Amino acid sequence: MSNFLLDPAIAIYAALSVALVVWLGIFTFLWRLDRQARELRRQLDQRPRAEAPAPRATLEARNGQPQPSVVTTEE
C-alpha cells in the first residue's frame, strides 16, 4: 500500500489533481488582483481633482564652501 502512487492509473490522477489545484490558485490570484485594481480605479475616478501647489526645493551647500541657495519650482 505504500507504493500506490507508482500505479500508473493512480499516478495520472494525482498529477492531474495537483495541476488542477495549481491552475485554480493562479486563477483565484488573478481574479482577486483584478477586483482590487477595479476598486482602486473606481476610487481614483470618483476623487475630485484639486489643484495642488507646486512642490518646492531648496538646495544648499553642506561642505562649507559658500554657494548661493537655489530655489526651484516645478510647473
PDB file of N, CA and C in Angstrom:
ATOM      1  N   MET A   1       0.813  -1.195   0.000  1.00  0.00           N
ATOM      2  CA  MET A   1       0.000   0.000   0.000  1.00  0.00           C
ATOM      3  C   MET A   1       0.858   1.261   0.000  1.00  0.00           C
ATOM      4  N   SER A   2       2.125   1.167   0.369  1.00  0.00           N
ATOM      5  CA  SER A   2       2.973   2.341   0.425  1.00  0.00           C
ATOM      6  C   SER A   2       3.371   2.834  -0.973  1.00  0.00           C
ATOM      7  N   ASN A   3       3.294   1.973  -1.990  1.00  0.00           N
ATOM      8  CA  ASN A   3       3.681   2.357  -3.349  1.00  0.00           C
ATOM      9  C   ASN A   3       2.466   2.548  -4.248  1.00  0.00           C
ATOM     10  N   PHE A   4       1.374   3.072  -3.692  1.00  0.00           N
ATOM     11  CA  PHE A   4       0.164   3.192  -4.503  1.00  0.00           C
ATOM     12  C   PHE A   4       0.317   4.280  -5.565  1.00  0.00           C
ATOM     13  N   LEU A   5       1.215   5.271  -5.394  1.00  0.00           N
ATOM     14  CA  LEU A   5       1.418   6.297  -6.416  1.00  0.00           C
ATOM     15  C   LEU A   5       2.229   5.781  -7.599  1.00  0.00           C
ATOM     16  N   LEU A   6       2.865   4.631  -7.460  1.00  0.00           N
ATOM     17  CA  LEU A   6       3.610   4.063  -8.582  1.00  0.00           C
ATOM     18  C   LEU A   6       2.692   3.389  -9.593  1.00  0.00           C
ATOM     19  N   ASP A   7       1.471   3.133  -9.222  1.00  0.00           N
ATOM     20  CA  ASP A   7       0.500   2.567 -10.153  1.00  0.00           C
ATOM     21  C   ASP A   7       0.135   3.658 -11.168  1.00  0.00           C
ATOM     22  N   PRO A   8       0.300   3.404 -12.462  1.00  0.00           N
ATOM     23  CA  PRO A   8       0.060   4.453 -13.468  1.00  0.00           C
ATOM     24  C   PRO A   8      -1.370   5.001 -13.448  1.00  0.00           C
ATOM     25  N   ALA A   9      -2.332   4.174 -13.120  1.00  0.00           N
ATOM     26  CA  ALA A   9      -3.721   4.642 -13.112  1.00  0.00           C
ATOM     27  C   ALA A   9      -3.934   5.661 -11.999  1.00  0.00           C
ATOM     28  N   ILE A  10      -3.272   5.505 -10.894  1.00  0.00           N
ATOM     29  CA  ILE A  10      -3.435   6.428  -9.768  1.00  0.00           C
ATOM     30  C   ILE A  10      -2.500   7.627  -9.935  1.00  0.00           C
ATOM     31  N   ALA A  11      -1.320   7.414 -10.480  1.00  0.00           N
ATOM     32  CA  ALA A  11      -0.339   8.487 -10.628  1.00  0.00           C
ATOM     33  C   ALA A  11      -0.849   9.581 -11.561  1.00  0.00           C
ATOM     34  N   ILE A  12      -1.535   9.200 -12.637  1.00  0.00           N
ATOM     35  CA  ILE A  12      -2.038  10.214 -13.567  1.00  0.00           C
ATOM     36  C   ILE A  12      -3.110  11.064 -12.905  1.00  0.00           C
ATOM     37  N   TYR A  13      -3.952  10.456 -12.086  1.00  0.00           N
ATOM     38  CA  TYR A  13      -4.978  11.232 -11.388  1.00  0.00           C
ATOM     39  C   TYR A  13      -4.360  12.141 -10.317  1.00  0.00           C
ATOM     40  N   ALA A  14      -3.313  11.690  -9.688  1.00  0.00           N
ATOM     41  CA  ALA A  14      -2.621  12.528  -8.703  1.00  0.00           C
ATOM     42  C   ALA A  14      -1.968  13.719  -9.402  1.00  0.00           C
ATOM     43  N   ALA A  15      -1.336  13.497 -10.528  1.00  0.00           N
ATOM     44  CA  ALA A  15      -0.699  14.584 -11.270  1.00  0.00           C
ATOM     45  C   ALA A  15      -1.736  15.574 -11.789  1.00  0.00           C
ATOM     46  N   LEU A  16      -2.848  15.069 -12.295  1.00  0.00           N
ATOM     47  CA  LEU A  16      -3.907  15.945 -12.790  1.00  0.00           C
ATOM     48  C   LEU A  16      -4.527  16.766 -11.670  1.00  0.00           C
ATOM     49  N   SER A  17      -4.696  16.177 -10.513  1.00  0.00           N
ATOM     50  CA  SER A  17      -5.286  16.929  -9.408  1.00  0.00           C
ATOM     51  C   SER A  17      -4.317  18.000  -8.894  1.00  0.00           C
ATOM     52  N   VAL A  18      -3.028  17.720  -8.884  1.00  0.00           N
ATOM     53  CA  VAL A  18      -2.054  18.741  -8.488  1.00  0.00           C
ATOM     54  C   VAL A  18      -2.058  19.879  -9.500  1.00  0.00           C
ATOM     55  N   ALA A  19      -2.099  19.560 -10.782  1.00  0.00           N
ATOM     56  CA  ALA A  19      -2.134  20.596 -11.817  1.00  0.00           C
ATOM     57  C   ALA A  19      -3.417  21.424 -11.703  1.00  0.00           C
ATOM     58  N   LEU A  20      -4.530  20.773 -11.394  1.00  0.00           N
ATOM     59  CA  LEU A  20      -5.792  21.489 -11.236  1.00  0.00           C
ATOM     60  C   LEU A  20      -5.736  22.450 -10.051  1.00  0.00           C
ATOM     61  N   VAL A  21      -5.148  22.035  -8.962  1.00  0.00           N
ATOM     62  CA  VAL A  21      -5.029  22.900  -7.784  1.00  0.00           C
ATOM     63  C   VAL A  21      -4.146  24.105  -8.100  1.00  0.00           C
ATOM     64  N   VAL A  22      -3.063  23.888  -8.839  1.00  0.00           N
ATOM     65  CA  VAL A  22      -2.180  24.996  -9.214  1.00  0.00           C
ATOM     66  C   VAL A  22      -2.914  25.985 -10.118  1.00  0.00           C
ATOM     67  N   TRP A  23      -3.637  25.491 -11.112  1.00  0.00           N
ATOM     68  CA  TRP A  23      -4.385  26.381 -12.012  1.00  0.00           C
ATOM     69  C   TRP A  23      -5.484  27.133 -11.265  1.00  0.00           C
ATOM     70  N   LEU A  24      -6.142  26.474 -10.351  1.00  0.00           N
ATOM     71  CA  LEU A  24      -7.163  27.166  -9.556  1.00  0.00           C
ATOM     72  C   LEU A  24      -6.535  28.257  -8.688  1.00  0.00           C
ATOM     73  N   GLY A  25      -5.362  27.998  -8.153  1.00  0.00           N
ATOM     74  CA  GLY A  25      -4.666  29.012  -7.368  1.00  0.00           C
ATOM     75  C   GLY A  25      -4.285  30.220  -8.208  1.00  0.00           C
ATOM     76  N   ILE A  26      -3.773  29.983  -9.399  1.00  0.00           N
ATOM     77  CA  ILE A  26      -3.409  31.080 -10.300  1.00  0.00           C
ATOM     78  C   ILE A  26      -4.655  31.874 -10.693  1.00  0.00           C
ATOM     79  N   PHE A  27      -5.725  31.187 -11.029  1.00  0.00           N
ATOM     80  CA  PHE A  27      -6.971  31.854 -11.410  1.00  0.00           C
ATOM     81  C   PHE A  27      -7.506  32.699 -10.267  1.00  0.00           C
ATOM     82  N   THR A  28      -7.502  32.164  -9.048  1.00  0.00           N
ATOM     83  CA  THR A  28      -8.002  32.903  -7.889  1.00  0.00           C
ATOM     84  C   THR A  28      -7.145  34.133  -7.625  1.00  0.00           C
ATOM     85  N   PHE A  29      -5.831  33.988  -7.719  1.00  0.00           N
ATOM     86  CA  PHE A  29      -4.931  35.119  -7.510  1.00  0.00           C
ATOM     87  C   PHE A  29      -5.203  36.226  -8.521  1.00  0.00           C
ATOM     88  N   LEU A  30      -5.303  35.889  -9.803  1.00  0.00           N
ATOM     89  CA  LEU A  30      -5.547  36.896 -10.829  1.00  0.00           C
ATOM     90  C   LEU A  30      -6.921  37.531 -10.682  1.00  0.00           C
ATOM     91  N   TRP A  31      -7.922  36.750 -10.292  1.00  0.00           N
ATOM     92  CA  TRP A  31      -9.266  37.284 -10.109  1.00  0.00           C
ATOM     93  C   TRP A  31      -9.290  38.304  -8.976  1.00  0.00           C
ATOM     94  N   ARG A  32      -8.638  37.982  -7.846  1.00  0.00           N
ATOM     95  CA  ARG A  32      -8.593  38.915  -6.716  1.00  0.00           C
ATOM     96  C   ARG A  32      -7.801  40.164  -7.074  1.00  0.00           C
ATOM     97  N   LEU A  33      -6.707  40.015  -7.819  1.00  0.00           N
ATOM     98  CA  LEU A  33      -5.905  41.147  -8.243  1.00  0.00           C
ATOM     99  C   LEU A  33      -6.713  42.069  -9.157  1.00  0.00           C
ATOM    100  N   ASP A  34      -7.490  41.492 -10.054  1.00  0.00           N
ATOM    101  CA  ASP A  34      -8.334  42.284 -10.943  1.00  0.00           C
ATOM    102  C   ASP A  34      -9.409  43.030 -10.160  1.00  0.00           C
ATOM    103  N   ARG A  35     -10.006  42.387  -9.177  1.00  0.00           N
ATOM    104  CA  ARG A  35     -11.016  43.066  -8.347  1.00  0.00           C
ATOM    105  C   ARG A  35     -10.419  44.242  -7.604  1.00  0.00           C
ATOM    106  N   GLN A  36      -9.227  44.075  -7.049  1.00  0.00           N
ATOM    107  CA  GLN A  36      -8.574  45.163  -6.324  1.00  0.00           C
ATOM    108  C   GLN A  36      -8.210  46.305  -7.268  1.00  0.00           C
ATOM    109  N   ALA A  37      -7.759  45.998  -8.462  1.00  0.00           N
ATOM    110  CA  ALA A  37      -7.413  47.037  -9.431  1.00  0.00           C
ATOM    111  C   ALA A  37      -8.653  47.801  -9.868  1.00  0.00           C
ATOM    112  N   ARG A  38      -9.772  47.091 -10.079  1.00  0.00           N
ATOM    113  CA  ARG A  38     -11.019  47.774 -10.431  1.00  0.00           C
ATOM    114  C   ARG A  38     -11.477  48.705  -9.319  1.00  0.00           C
ATOM    115  N   GLU A  39     -11.359  48.253  -8.066  1.00  0.00           N
ATOM    116  CA  GLU A  39     -11.763  49.075  -6.930  1.00  0.00           C
ATOM    117  C   GLU A  39     -10.895  50.330  -6.834  1.00  0.00           C
ATOM    118  N   LEU A  40      -9.586  50.191  -7.003  1.00  0.00           N
ATOM    119  CA  LEU A  40      -8.695  51.351  -6.978  1.00  0.00           C
ATOM    120  C   LEU A  40      -9.006  52.311  -8.122  1.00  0.00           C
ATOM    121  N   ARG A  41      -9.262  51.785  -9.305  1.00  0.00           N
ATOM    122  CA  ARG A  41      -9.591  52.621 -10.455  1.00  0.00           C
ATOM    123  C   ARG A  41     -10.883  53.383 -10.202  1.00  0.00           C
ATOM    124  N   ARG A  42     -11.872  52.706  -9.606  1.00  0.00           N
ATOM    125  CA  ARG A  42     -13.144  53.362  -9.301  1.00  0.00           C
ATOM    126  C   ARG A  42     -12.951  54.465  -8.269  1.00  0.00           C
ATOM    127  N   GLN A  43     -12.125  54.222  -7.252  1.00  0.00           N
ATOM    128  CA  GLN A  43     -11.866  55.239  -6.236  1.00  0.00           C
ATOM    129  C   GLN A  43     -11.139  56.440  -6.837  1.00  0.00           C
ATOM    130  N   LEU A  44     -10.196  56.202  -7.736  1.00  0.00           N
ATOM    131  CA  LEU A  44      -9.484  57.305  -8.361  1.00  0.00           C
ATOM    132  C   LEU A  44     -10.381  58.112  -9.287  1.00  0.00           C
ATOM    133  N   ASP A  45     -11.302  57.452  -9.961  1.00  0.00           N
ATOM    134  CA  ASP A  45     -12.218  58.165 -10.841  1.00  0.00           C
ATOM    135  C   ASP A  45     -13.208  59.012 -10.060  1.00  0.00           C
ATOM    136  N   GLN A  46     -13.569  58.615  -8.857  1.00  0.00           N
ATOM    137  CA  GLN A  46     -14.541  59.352  -8.058  1.00  0.00           C
ATOM    138  C   GLN A  46     -13.911  60.528  -7.326  1.00  0.00           C
ATOM    139  N   ARG A  47     -12.614  60.492  -7.081  1.00  0.00           N
ATOM    140  CA  ARG A  47     -11.945  61.546  -6.317  1.00  0.00           C
ATOM    141  C   ARG A  47     -11.888  62.825  -7.146  1.00  0.00           C
ATOM    142  N   PRO A  48     -12.326  63.963  -6.561  1.00  0.00           N
ATOM    143  CA  PRO A  48     -12.206  65.228  -7.299  1.00  0.00           C
ATOM    144  C   PRO A  48     -10.748  65.644  -7.400  1.00  0.00           C
ATOM    145  N   ARG A  49     -10.405  66.203  -8.520  1.00  0.00           N
ATOM    146  CA  ARG A  49      -9.017  66.586  -8.748  1.00  0.00           C
ATOM    147  C   ARG A  49      -8.838  68.042  -8.354  1.00  0.00           C
ATOM    148  N   ALA A  50      -8.133  68.267  -7.280  1.00  0.00           N
ATOM    149  CA  ALA A  50      -7.863  69.618  -6.796  1.00  0.00           C
ATOM    150  C   ALA A  50      -6.469  70.045  -7.248  1.00  0.00           C
ATOM    151  N   GLU A  51      -6.338  71.314  -7.499  1.00  0.00           N
ATOM    152  CA  GLU A  51      -5.034  71.849  -7.885  1.00  0.00           C
ATOM    153  C   GLU A  51      -4.152  71.954  -6.651  1.00  0.00           C
ATOM    154  N   ALA A  52      -3.080  71.238  -6.645  1.00  0.00           N
ATOM    155  CA  ALA A  52      -2.144  71.267  -5.523  1.00  0.00           C
ATOM    156  C   ALA A  52      -1.045  72.275  -5.824  1.00  0.00           C
ATOM    157  N   PRO A  53      -0.506  72.913  -4.796  1.00  0.00           N
ATOM    158  CA  PRO A  53       0.597  73.833  -5.053  1.00  0.00           C
ATOM    159  C   PRO A  53       1.818  73.064  -5.567  1.00  0.00           C
ATOM    160  N   ALA A  54       2.599  73.737  -6.366  1.00  0.00           N
ATOM    161  CA  ALA A  54       3.775  73.110  -6.954  1.00  0.00           C
ATOM    162  C   ALA A  54       4.790  72.780  -5.871  1.00  0.00           C
ATOM    163  N   PRO A  55       5.454  71.658  -5.954  1.00  0.00           N
ATOM    164  CA  PRO A  55       6.475  71.316  -4.958  1.00  0.00           C
ATOM    165  C   PRO A  55       7.657  72.276  -5.051  1.00  0.00           C
ATOM    166  N   ARG A  56       8.250  72.549  -3.923  1.00  0.00           N
ATOM    167  CA  ARG A  56       9.395  73.457  -3.862  1.00  0.00           C
ATOM    168  C   ARG A  56      10.595  72.713  -3.294  1.00  0.00           C
ATOM    169  N   ALA A  57      11.773  73.108  -3.740  1.00  0.00           N
ATOM    170  CA  ALA A  57      13.009  72.506  -3.236  1.00  0.00           C
ATOM    171  C   ALA A  57      14.031  73.606  -3.014  1.00  0.00           C
ATOM    172  N   THR A  58      14.783  73.485  -1.952  1.00  0.00           N
ATOM    173  CA  THR A  58      15.855  74.427  -1.662  1.00  0.00           C
ATOM    174  C   THR A  58      17.154  73.641  -1.605  1.00  0.00           C
ATOM    175  N   LEU A  59      18.134  74.050  -2.406  1.00  0.00           N
ATOM    176  CA  LEU A  59      19.423  73.372  -2.450  1.00  0.00           C
ATOM    177  C   LEU A  59      20.449  74.266  -1.770  1.00  0.00           C
ATOM    178  N   GLU A  60      21.166  73.722  -0.825  1.00  0.00           N
ATOM    179  CA  GLU A  60      22.198  74.470  -0.115  1.00  0.00           C
ATOM    180  C   GLU A  60      23.460  73.615  -0.039  1.00  0.00           C
ATOM    181  N   ALA A  61      24.607  74.278  -0.017  1.00  0.00           N
ATOM    182  CA  ALA A  61      25.880  73.563   0.090  1.00  0.00           C
ATOM    183  C   ALA A  61      26.101  73.155   1.531  1.00  0.00           C
ATOM    184  N   ARG A  62      26.641  71.965   1.750  1.00  0.00           N
ATOM    185  CA  ARG A  62      26.914  71.484   3.102  1.00  0.00           C
ATOM    186  C   ARG A  62      28.403  71.262   3.346  1.00  0.00           C
ATOM    187  N   ASN A  63      29.217  71.493   2.360  1.00  0.00           N
ATOM    188  CA  ASN A  63      30.643  71.224   2.522  1.00  0.00           C
ATOM    189  C   ASN A  63      31.427  72.445   2.994  1.00  0.00           C
ATOM    190  N   GLY A  64      30.779  73.508   3.370  1.00  0.00           N
ATOM    191  CA  GLY A  64      31.443  74.670   3.912  1.00  0.00           C
ATOM    192  C   GLY A  64      31.810  75.714   2.887  1.00  0.00           C
ATOM    193  N   GLN A  65      31.702  75.420   1.609  1.00  0.00           N
ATOM    194  CA  GLN A  65      32.001  76.410   0.587  1.00  0.00           C
ATOM    195  C   GLN A  65      30.755  77.263   0.356  1.00  0.00           C
ATOM    196  N   PRO A  66      30.936  78.559   0.315  1.00  0.00           N
ATOM    197  CA  PRO A  66      29.765  79.412   0.115  1.00  0.00           C
ATOM    198  C   PRO A  66      29.261  79.314  -1.317  1.00  0.00           C
ATOM    199  N   GLN A  67      28.015  78.875  -1.462  1.00  0.00           N
ATOM    200  CA  GLN A  67      27.349  78.834  -2.752  1.00  0.00           C
ATOM    201  C   GLN A  67      25.974  79.445  -2.562  1.00  0.00           C
ATOM    202  N   PRO A  68      25.476  80.099  -3.555  1.00  0.00           N
ATOM    203  CA  PRO A  68      24.156  80.704  -3.400  1.00  0.00           C
ATOM    204  C   PRO A  68      23.071  79.626  -3.325  1.00  0.00           C
ATOM    205  N   SER A  69      22.046  79.908  -2.535  1.00  0.00           N
ATOM    206  CA  SER A  69      20.897  78.985  -2.454  1.00  0.00           C
ATOM    207  C   SER A  69      20.108  79.070  -3.734  1.00  0.00           C
ATOM    208  N   VAL A  70      19.606  77.934  -4.164  1.00  0.00           N
ATOM    209  CA  VAL A  70      18.816  77.880  -5.375  1.00  0.00           C
ATOM    210  C   VAL A  70      17.434  77.375  -4.991  1.00  0.00           C
ATOM    211  N   VAL A  71      16.408  78.107  -5.381  1.00  0.00           N
ATOM    212  CA  VAL A  71      15.029  77.694  -5.111  1.00  0.00           C
ATOM    213  C   VAL A  71      14.400  77.369  -6.457  1.00  0.00           C
ATOM    214  N   THR A  72      13.840  76.198  -6.548  1.00  0.00           N
ATOM    215  CA  THR A  72      13.213  75.779  -7.795  1.00  0.00           C
ATOM    216  C   THR A  72      11.751  75.450  -7.546  1.00  0.00           C
ATOM    217  N   THR A  73      10.954  75.603  -8.566  1.00  0.00           N
ATOM    218  CA  THR A  73       9.546  75.179  -8.510  1.00  0.00           C
ATOM    219  C   THR A  73       9.260  74.391  -9.768  1.00  0.00           C
ATOM    220  N   GLU A  74       8.468  73.379  -9.626  1.00  0.00           N
ATOM    221  CA  GLU A  74       8.068  72.570 -10.779  1.00  0.00           C
ATOM    222  C   GLU A  74       6.698  73.025 -11.227  1.00  0.00           C
ATOM    223  N   GLU A  75       6.530  73.171 -12.511  1.00  0.00           N
ATOM    224  CA  GLU A  75       5.238  73.593 -13.028  1.00  0.00           C
ATOM    225  C   GLU A  75       4.711  72.593 -13.997  1.00  0.00           C
TER     226      GLU A  75
END
